[in-house]
């Protein structure tokens, strides 16, 4: 007779009747045990796109650089909001202030030039069809660099449930196939563990630096493609119905 440890994730019903300090549950297994790992992913059309927009400014003093940058970034943020983006979908991701120097080859010294401030925001767009127009609008508003777009699913629970169902079915079929090959009639689940994978873009993310002069009359073409989300499960089974059961 063998004993195997049941993970907390798979033994919630059992642990509910045990003291709170119990970390593991010992379960009994009479037959051979097999452990299988299966991953399943579901691809679907994205419903959310994230882009980054930044402004960089230089000035002789730190205060002047910060004030100039704040004014330029305000234009960018106001432009973002004019596109219908809510405040909750605009997030500052970084503000950096750095002294700038030029190298004088004659004196072989660093010559102070001034200060540079960079400010970046992350923007979520819920209308993917407007991504190209949004990118162009940000450039016209003063953004000096853009990053993205990154496509995702805002709520991928339905897709994960579909992937979870497929993974369990595949694992069960494979476990029963192993049992049959070894002369056993069926299997019983002893333990299950799950790892989630977030939605990820199928197309490669692009990143670019754009100047005001680089803005074209036509909006930048954007293809959302498909995104993938899924689960990985590990299930431990006991084989049932063999000669020694």
C-alpha atoms as a PDB file:
ATOM      1  CA  UNK A   1       0.000   0.000   0.000  1.00  0.00           C
ATOM      2  CA  UNK A   2       1.402   3.384  -1.008  1.00  0.00           C
ATOM      3  CA  UNK A   3       0.616   6.892   0.234  1.00  0.00           C
ATOM      4  CA  UNK A   4       0.789  10.035  -1.925  1.00  0.00           C
ATOM      5  CA  UNK A   5       0.581  13.692  -1.016  1.00  0.00           C
ATOM      6  CA  UNK A   6      -2.381  15.595  -2.434  1.00  0.00           C
ATOM      7  CA  UNK A   7      -1.686  19.226  -3.358  1.00  0.00           C
ATOM      8  CA  UNK A   8      -3.673  21.976  -1.652  1.00  0.00           C
ATOM      9  CA  UNK A   9      -5.157  23.077  -4.967  1.00  0.00           C
ATOM     10  CA  UNK A  10      -6.694  19.673  -5.601  1.00  0.00           C
ATOM     11  CA  UNK A  11      -7.711  18.910  -2.014  1.00  0.00           C
ATOM     12  CA  UNK A  12      -9.715  21.966  -0.981  1.00  0.00           C
ATOM     13  CA  UNK A  13     -12.792  19.878  -0.257  1.00  0.00           C
ATOM     14  CA  UNK A  14     -10.795  17.535   1.931  1.00  0.00           C
ATOM     15  CA  UNK A  15      -8.908  20.298   3.694  1.00  0.00           C
ATOM     16  CA  UNK A  16     -12.128  22.144   4.496  1.00  0.00           C
ATOM     17  CA  UNK A  17     -12.841  19.479   7.098  1.00  0.00           C
ATOM     18  CA  UNK A  18      -9.298  19.529   8.532  1.00  0.00           C
ATOM     19  CA  UNK A  19      -7.609  22.016  10.880  1.00  0.00           C
ATOM     20  CA  UNK A  20      -6.358  25.222   9.269  1.00  0.00           C
ATOM     21  CA  UNK A  21      -2.737  24.322  10.024  1.00  0.00           C
ATOM     22  CA  UNK A  22      -2.809  21.167   7.867  1.00  0.00           C
ATOM     23  CA  UNK A  23      -0.644  21.856   4.794  1.00  0.00           C
ATOM     24  CA  UNK A  24      -0.930  18.459   3.064  1.00  0.00           C
ATOM     25  CA  UNK A  25      -3.274  15.487   3.017  1.00  0.00           C
ATOM     26  CA  UNK A  26      -2.113  11.869   2.846  1.00  0.00           C
ATOM     27  CA  UNK A  27      -4.163   9.774   0.400  1.00  0.00           C
ATOM     28  CA  UNK A  28      -4.046   6.039  -0.126  1.00  0.00           C
ATOM     29  CA  UNK A  29      -3.113   4.382  -3.427  1.00  0.00           C
ATOM     30  CA  UNK A  30      -3.076   0.612  -3.897  1.00  0.00           C
ATOM     31  CA  UNK A  31      -2.211   0.444  -7.581  1.00  0.00           C
ATOM     32  CA  UNK A  32       0.578   1.911  -9.675  1.00  0.00           C
ATOM     33  CA  UNK A  33       0.589   5.684 -10.054  1.00  0.00           C
ATOM     34  CA  UNK A  34       1.171   7.658 -13.257  1.00  0.00           C
ATOM     35  CA  UNK A  35       1.756  11.418 -13.493  1.00  0.00           C
ATOM     36  CA  UNK A  36       0.948  13.299 -16.713  1.00  0.00           C
ATOM     37  CA  UNK A  37       1.534  16.918 -17.739  1.00  0.00           C
ATOM     38  CA  UNK A  38      -0.601  18.490 -20.462  1.00  0.00           C
ATOM     39  CA  UNK A  39      -0.749  22.027 -21.874  1.00  0.00           C
ATOM     40  CA  UNK A  40      -3.573  23.508 -23.917  1.00  0.00           C
ATOM     41  CA  UNK A  41      -3.871  26.942 -25.516  1.00  0.00           C
ATOM     42  CA  UNK A  42      -6.808  28.687 -27.143  1.00  0.00           C
ATOM     43  CA  UNK A  43      -6.365  31.414 -29.721  1.00  0.00           C
ATOM     44  CA  UNK A  44      -8.947  34.129 -30.123  1.00  0.00           C
ATOM     45  CA  UNK A  45      -9.324  37.654 -31.431  1.00  0.00           C
ATOM     46  CA  UNK A  46      -8.022  40.306 -29.007  1.00  0.00           C
ATOM     47  CA  UNK A  47     -10.318  42.937 -27.549  1.00  0.00           C
ATOM     48  CA  UNK A  48      -7.696  45.172 -25.935  1.00  0.00           C
ATOM     49  CA  UNK A  49      -4.583  46.885 -27.264  1.00  0.00           C
ATOM     50  CA  UNK A  50      -1.896  48.609 -25.189  1.00  0.00           C
ATOM     51  CA  UNK A  51       0.465  51.231 -26.567  1.00  0.00           C
ATOM     52  CA  UNK A  52       3.154  53.345 -24.946  1.00  0.00           C
ATOM     53  CA  UNK A  53       3.677  57.029 -25.646  1.00  0.00           C
ATOM     54  CA  UNK A  54       6.555  59.175 -24.467  1.00  0.00           C
ATOM     55  CA  UNK A  55       7.832  62.733 -24.538  1.00  0.00           C
ATOM     56  CA  UNK A  56      11.463  63.787 -24.142  1.00  0.00           C
ATOM     57  CA  UNK A  57      12.553  67.404 -23.603  1.00  0.00           C
ATOM     58  CA  UNK A  58      15.826  69.206 -22.918  1.00  0.00           C
ATOM     59  CA  UNK A  59      16.507  72.504 -21.132  1.00  0.00           C
ATOM     60  CA  UNK A  60      19.456  74.263 -19.455  1.00  0.00           C
ATOM     61  CA  UNK A  61      18.080  73.627 -15.948  1.00  0.00           C
ATOM     62  CA  UNK A  62      16.302  70.722 -14.337  1.00  0.00           C
ATOM     63  CA  UNK A  63      13.319  72.875 -13.383  1.00  0.00           C
ATOM     64  CA  UNK A  64      12.933  74.189 -16.916  1.00  0.00           C
ATOM     65  CA  UNK A  65      13.230  70.694 -18.376  1.00  0.00           C
ATOM     66  CA  UNK A  66      10.569  69.342 -16.005  1.00  0.00           C
ATOM     67  CA  UNK A  67       8.183  72.224 -16.715  1.00  0.00           C
ATOM     68  CA  UNK A  68       8.657  71.924 -20.477  1.00  0.00           C
ATOM     69  CA  UNK A  69       8.124  68.186 -20.348  1.00  0.00           C
ATOM     70  CA  UNK A  70       5.005  68.523 -18.209  1.00  0.00           C
ATOM     71  CA  UNK A  71       3.493  70.947 -20.732  1.00  0.00           C
ATOM     72  CA  UNK A  72       4.274  68.635 -23.662  1.00  0.00           C
ATOM     73  CA  UNK A  73       2.996  65.530 -21.892  1.00  0.00           C
ATOM     74  CA  UNK A  74      -0.196  67.353 -20.947  1.00  0.00           C
ATOM     75  CA  UNK A  75      -0.856  67.867 -24.670  1.00  0.00           C
ATOM     76  CA  UNK A  76      -0.339  64.166 -25.295  1.00  0.00           C
ATOM     77  CA  UNK A  77      -2.613  63.103 -22.422  1.00  0.00           C
ATOM     78  CA  UNK A  78      -5.309  65.579 -23.451  1.00  0.00           C
ATOM     79  CA  UNK A  79      -5.130  64.156 -26.967  1.00  0.00           C
ATOM     80  CA  UNK A  80      -5.454  60.612 -25.603  1.00  0.00           C
ATOM     81  CA  UNK A  81      -8.549  61.592 -23.619  1.00  0.00           C
ATOM     82  CA  UNK A  82     -10.060  63.280 -26.666  1.00  0.00           C
ATOM     83  CA  UNK A  83     -10.023  59.873 -28.340  1.00  0.00           C
ATOM     84  CA  UNK A  84     -12.427  58.628 -25.688  1.00  0.00           C
ATOM     85  CA  UNK A  85      -9.850  56.877 -23.491  1.00  0.00           C
ATOM     86  CA  UNK A  86     -10.869  56.827 -19.822  1.00  0.00           C
ATOM     87  CA  UNK A  87      -8.569  58.020 -17.021  1.00  0.00           C
ATOM     88  CA  UNK A  88      -8.307  54.453 -15.662  1.00  0.00           C
ATOM     89  CA  UNK A  89      -6.772  53.339 -18.977  1.00  0.00           C
ATOM     90  CA  UNK A  90      -3.941  55.890 -18.888  1.00  0.00           C
ATOM     91  CA  UNK A  91      -1.026  55.105 -16.581  1.00  0.00           C
ATOM     92  CA  UNK A  92       2.311  56.848 -16.130  1.00  0.00           C
ATOM     93  CA  UNK A  93       5.045  54.233 -16.419  1.00  0.00           C
ATOM     94  CA  UNK A  94       8.142  56.345 -15.854  1.00  0.00           C
ATOM     95  CA  UNK A  95       9.555  59.836 -15.448  1.00  0.00           C
ATOM     96  CA  UNK A  96      13.322  60.242 -15.771  1.00  0.00           C
ATOM     97  CA  UNK A  97      15.561  63.282 -15.263  1.00  0.00           C
ATOM     98  CA  UNK A  98      19.173  63.071 -16.433  1.00  0.00           C
ATOM     99  CA  UNK A  99      22.031  65.509 -16.872  1.00  0.00           C
ATOM    100  CA  UNK A 100      23.347  65.652 -20.441  1.00  0.00           C
ATOM    101  CA  UNK A 101      26.985  66.097 -21.395  1.00  0.00           C
ATOM    102  CA  UNK A 102      28.931  66.543 -24.610  1.00  0.00           C
ATOM    103  CA  UNK A 103      32.480  65.273 -24.996  1.00  0.00           C
ATOM    104  CA  UNK A 104      35.040  67.885 -25.971  1.00  0.00           C
ATOM    105  CA  UNK A 105      37.716  66.098 -27.965  1.00  0.00           C
ATOM    106  CA  UNK A 106      40.185  68.955 -27.689  1.00  0.00           C
ATOM    107  CA  UNK A 107      40.078  69.205 -23.903  1.00  0.00           C
ATOM    108  CA  UNK A 108      39.056  65.569 -23.454  1.00  0.00           C
ATOM    109  CA  UNK A 109      36.473  66.669 -20.927  1.00  0.00           C
ATOM    110  CA  UNK A 110      32.754  66.258 -20.474  1.00  0.00           C
ATOM    111  CA  UNK A 111      30.947  69.546 -21.033  1.00  0.00           C
ATOM    112  CA  UNK A 112      27.619  70.002 -19.313  1.00  0.00           C
ATOM    113  CA  UNK A 113      24.843  70.585 -21.847  1.00  0.00           C
ATOM    114  CA  UNK A 114      21.696  70.673 -19.751  1.00  0.00           C
ATOM    115  CA  UNK A 115      19.011  68.313 -18.506  1.00  0.00           C
ATOM    116  CA  UNK A 116      16.777  65.852 -20.303  1.00  0.00           C
ATOM    117  CA  UNK A 117      13.421  64.692 -19.002  1.00  0.00           C
ATOM    118  CA  UNK A 118      11.527  61.743 -20.419  1.00  0.00           C
ATOM    119  CA  UNK A 119       7.970  60.874 -19.470  1.00  0.00           C
ATOM    120  CA  UNK A 120       6.098  57.783 -20.628  1.00  0.00           C
ATOM    121  CA  UNK A 121       2.510  56.617 -20.313  1.00  0.00           C
ATOM    122  CA  UNK A 122       0.819  53.307 -21.058  1.00  0.00           C
ATOM    123  CA  UNK A 123      -2.523  53.566 -22.828  1.00  0.00           C
ATOM    124  CA  UNK A 124      -5.209  50.899 -23.169  1.00  0.00           C
ATOM    125  CA  UNK A 125      -7.435  51.162 -26.216  1.00  0.00           C
ATOM    126  CA  UNK A 126     -10.680  49.194 -26.237  1.00  0.00           C
ATOM    127  CA  UNK A 127     -11.501  49.925 -29.863  1.00  0.00           C
ATOM    128  CA  UNK A 128      -8.816  48.033 -31.775  1.00  0.00           C
ATOM    129  CA  UNK A 129      -9.997  49.398 -35.112  1.00  0.00           C
ATOM    130  CA  UNK A 130      -8.890  52.867 -33.999  1.00  0.00           C
ATOM    131  CA  UNK A 131      -5.304  51.850 -33.121  1.00  0.00           C
ATOM    132  CA  UNK A 132      -3.720  53.317 -36.238  1.00  0.00           C
ATOM    133  CA  UNK A 133      -5.521  56.638 -35.866  1.00  0.00           C
ATOM    134  CA  UNK A 134      -4.572  56.766 -32.181  1.00  0.00           C
ATOM    135  CA  UNK A 135      -0.873  56.264 -32.953  1.00  0.00           C
ATOM    136  CA  UNK A 136      -0.901  59.067 -35.510  1.00  0.00           C
ATOM    137  CA  UNK A 137      -2.856  61.368 -33.201  1.00  0.00           C
ATOM    138  CA  UNK A 138      -0.283  60.875 -30.430  1.00  0.00           C
ATOM    139  CA  UNK A 139       2.565  61.831 -32.758  1.00  0.00           C
ATOM    140  CA  UNK A 140       0.738  64.964 -33.865  1.00  0.00           C
ATOM    141  CA  UNK A 141       0.120  65.837 -30.207  1.00  0.00           C
ATOM    142  CA  UNK A 142       3.867  65.814 -29.496  1.00  0.00           C
ATOM    143  CA  UNK A 143       4.799  62.235 -28.591  1.00  0.00           C
ATOM    144  CA  UNK A 144       8.429  61.700 -29.556  1.00  0.00           C
ATOM    145  CA  UNK A 145       8.381  57.909 -29.309  1.00  0.00           C
ATOM    146  CA  UNK A 146       5.807  55.164 -29.355  1.00  0.00           C
ATOM    147  CA  UNK A 147       5.936  51.508 -28.350  1.00  0.00           C
ATOM    148  CA  UNK A 148       3.585  48.656 -29.048  1.00  0.00           C
ATOM    149  CA  UNK A 149       0.942  47.829 -29.900  1.00  0.00           C
ATOM    150  CA  UNK A 150       0.477  44.809 -27.631  1.00  0.00           C
ATOM    151  CA  UNK A 151      -2.772  42.925 -28.137  1.00  0.00           C
ATOM    152  CA  UNK A 152      -4.510  40.981 -25.378  1.00  0.00           C
ATOM    153  CA  UNK A 153      -7.836  39.738 -24.024  1.00  0.00           C
ATOM    154  CA  UNK A 154      -9.292  41.757 -21.181  1.00  0.00           C
ATOM    155  CA  UNK A 155     -11.250  38.821 -19.740  1.00  0.00           C
ATOM    156  CA  UNK A 156      -9.807  35.485 -20.844  1.00  0.00           C
ATOM    157  CA  UNK A 157     -11.620  33.286 -18.320  1.00  0.00           C
ATOM    158  CA  UNK A 158     -13.912  31.761 -20.958  1.00  0.00           C
ATOM    159  CA  UNK A 159     -10.933  30.924 -23.152  1.00  0.00           C
ATOM    160  CA  UNK A 160      -9.052  29.466 -20.176  1.00  0.00           C
ATOM    161  CA  UNK A 161     -12.074  27.310 -19.273  1.00  0.00           C
ATOM    162  CA  UNK A 162     -12.069  25.967 -22.809  1.00  0.00           C
ATOM    163  CA  UNK A 163      -8.336  25.221 -22.612  1.00  0.00           C
ATOM    164  CA  UNK A 164      -8.799  23.645 -19.178  1.00  0.00           C
ATOM    165  CA  UNK A 165     -11.526  21.315 -20.466  1.00  0.00           C
ATOM    166  CA  UNK A 166      -9.366  20.222 -23.387  1.00  0.00           C
ATOM    167  CA  UNK A 167      -6.365  19.621 -21.135  1.00  0.00           C
ATOM    168  CA  UNK A 168      -8.302  17.458 -18.679  1.00  0.00           C
ATOM    169  CA  UNK A 169      -9.867  15.419 -21.482  1.00  0.00           C
ATOM    170  CA  UNK A 170      -6.474  14.829 -23.108  1.00  0.00           C
ATOM    171  CA  UNK A 171      -4.878  13.874 -19.810  1.00  0.00           C
ATOM    172  CA  UNK A 172      -7.710  11.463 -18.908  1.00  0.00           C
ATOM    173  CA  UNK A 173      -7.605   9.802 -22.331  1.00  0.00           C
ATOM    174  CA  UNK A 174      -3.850   9.393 -22.144  1.00  0.00           C
ATOM    175  CA  UNK A 175      -3.967   8.003 -18.599  1.00  0.00           C
ATOM    176  CA  UNK A 176      -6.619   5.440 -19.560  1.00  0.00           C
ATOM    177  CA  UNK A 177      -4.576   4.454 -22.606  1.00  0.00           C
ATOM    178  CA  UNK A 178      -1.538   3.803 -20.406  1.00  0.00           C
ATOM    179  CA  UNK A 179      -3.689   1.823 -17.976  1.00  0.00           C
ATOM    180  CA  UNK A 180      -5.076  -0.342 -20.778  1.00  0.00           C
ATOM    181  CA  UNK A 181      -1.601  -1.022 -22.149  1.00  0.00           C
ATOM    182  CA  UNK A 182      -0.503  -2.186 -18.692  1.00  0.00           C
ATOM    183  CA  UNK A 183      -3.538  -4.387 -18.096  1.00  0.00           C
ATOM    184  CA  UNK A 184      -5.621  -2.087 -15.885  1.00  0.00           C
ATOM    185  CA  UNK A 185      -9.265  -1.194 -16.335  1.00  0.00           C
ATOM    186  CA  UNK A 186      -9.437   2.463 -15.335  1.00  0.00           C
ATOM    187  CA  UNK A 187      -7.732   5.287 -13.456  1.00  0.00           C
ATOM    188  CA  UNK A 188      -8.551   7.494 -10.481  1.00  0.00           C
ATOM    189  CA  UNK A 189      -7.306  11.038 -10.006  1.00  0.00           C
ATOM    190  CA  UNK A 190      -5.075  11.462  -6.964  1.00  0.00           C
ATOM    191  CA  UNK A 191      -3.697  14.957  -7.487  1.00  0.00           C
ATOM    192  CA  UNK A 192      -4.005  17.849  -9.907  1.00  0.00           C
ATOM    193  CA  UNK A 193      -1.951  21.030 -10.283  1.00  0.00           C
ATOM    194  CA  UNK A 194      -2.576  23.883 -12.677  1.00  0.00           C
ATOM    195  CA  UNK A 195      -0.419  26.653 -14.111  1.00  0.00           C
ATOM    196  CA  UNK A 196      -2.041  29.530 -15.989  1.00  0.00           C
ATOM    197  CA  UNK A 197      -0.552  31.325 -18.957  1.00  0.00           C
ATOM    198  CA  UNK A 198      -1.693  34.844 -19.705  1.00  0.00           C
ATOM    199  CA  UNK A 199      -2.824  36.100 -23.071  1.00  0.00           C
ATOM    200  CA  UNK A 200       0.092  36.728 -25.386  1.00  0.00           C
ATOM    201  CA  UNK A 201       0.247  38.236 -28.872  1.00  0.00           C
ATOM    202  CA  UNK A 202       0.797  35.954 -31.826  1.00  0.00           C
ATOM    203  CA  UNK A 203       2.326  38.707 -34.029  1.00  0.00           C
ATOM    204  CA  UNK A 204       5.645  40.195 -32.941  1.00  0.00           C
ATOM    205  CA  UNK A 205       5.337  43.433 -31.026  1.00  0.00           C
ATOM    206  CA  UNK A 206       6.750  46.441 -32.833  1.00  0.00           C
ATOM    207  CA  UNK A 207       8.547  49.366 -31.277  1.00  0.00           C
ATOM    208  CA  UNK A 208       9.439  52.581 -32.994  1.00  0.00           C
ATOM    209  CA  UNK A 209      10.676  56.111 -32.423  1.00  0.00           C
ATOM    210  CA  UNK A 210       8.792  58.724 -34.436  1.00  0.00           C
ATOM    211  CA  UNK A 211       9.404  62.404 -35.000  1.00  0.00           C
ATOM    212  CA  UNK A 212       6.724  64.911 -35.894  1.00  0.00           C
ATOM    213  CA  UNK A 213       7.997  65.062 -39.484  1.00  0.00           C
ATOM    214  CA  UNK A 214       7.570  61.285 -39.829  1.00  0.00           C
ATOM    215  CA  UNK A 215       3.785  61.389 -39.422  1.00  0.00           C
ATOM    216  CA  UNK A 216       2.060  60.282 -42.598  1.00  0.00           C
ATOM    217  CA  UNK A 217      -1.280  61.444 -43.927  1.00  0.00           C
ATOM    218  CA  UNK A 218      -2.699  57.914 -43.740  1.00  0.00           C
ATOM    219  CA  UNK A 219      -3.076  56.092 -40.427  1.00  0.00           C
ATOM    220  CA  UNK A 220      -0.510  53.431 -39.615  1.00  0.00           C
ATOM    221  CA  UNK A 221      -1.794  49.994 -40.688  1.00  0.00           C
ATOM    222  CA  UNK A 222      -2.313  47.713 -37.685  1.00  0.00           C
ATOM    223  CA  UNK A 223      -3.202  44.013 -37.843  1.00  0.00           C
ATOM    224  CA  UNK A 224      -4.392  42.626 -34.477  1.00  0.00           C
ATOM    225  CA  UNK A 225      -4.094  38.962 -35.499  1.00  0.00           C
ATOM    226  CA  UNK A 226      -4.843  36.436 -32.751  1.00  0.00           C
ATOM    227  CA  UNK A 227      -3.754  36.098 -29.137  1.00  0.00           C
ATOM    228  CA  UNK A 228      -3.198  32.909 -27.168  1.00  0.00           C
ATOM    229  CA  UNK A 229      -4.142  32.010 -23.624  1.00  0.00           C
ATOM    230  CA  UNK A 230      -4.166  28.680 -21.849  1.00  0.00           C
ATOM    231  CA  UNK A 231      -3.345  26.362 -18.978  1.00  0.00           C
ATOM    232  CA  UNK A 232      -0.854  23.649 -18.089  1.00  0.00           C
ATOM    233  CA  UNK A 233      -2.001  20.860 -15.789  1.00  0.00           C
ATOM    234  CA  UNK A 234      -0.248  18.010 -14.040  1.00  0.00           C
ATOM    235  CA  UNK A 235      -2.470  15.138 -12.901  1.00  0.00           C
ATOM    236  CA  UNK A 236      -1.441  12.116 -10.869  1.00  0.00           C
ATOM    237  CA  UNK A 237      -3.552   8.988 -11.400  1.00  0.00           C
ATOM    238  CA  UNK A 238      -3.854   5.625  -9.675  1.00  0.00           C
ATOM    239  CA  UNK A 239      -4.416   2.660 -12.013  1.00  0.00           C
ATOM    240  CA  UNK A 240      -7.419   0.526 -11.067  1.00  0.00           C
ATOM    241  CA  UNK A 241      -8.626  -2.971 -11.797  1.00  0.00           C
ATOM    242  CA  UNK A 242      -5.339  -4.773 -12.326  1.00  0.00           C
ATOM    243  CA  UNK A 243      -4.459  -8.219 -11.121  1.00  0.00           C
ATOM    244  CA  UNK A 244      -3.008  -6.883  -7.889  1.00  0.00           C
ATOM    245  CA  UNK A 245      -5.777  -4.352  -7.120  1.00  0.00           C
END
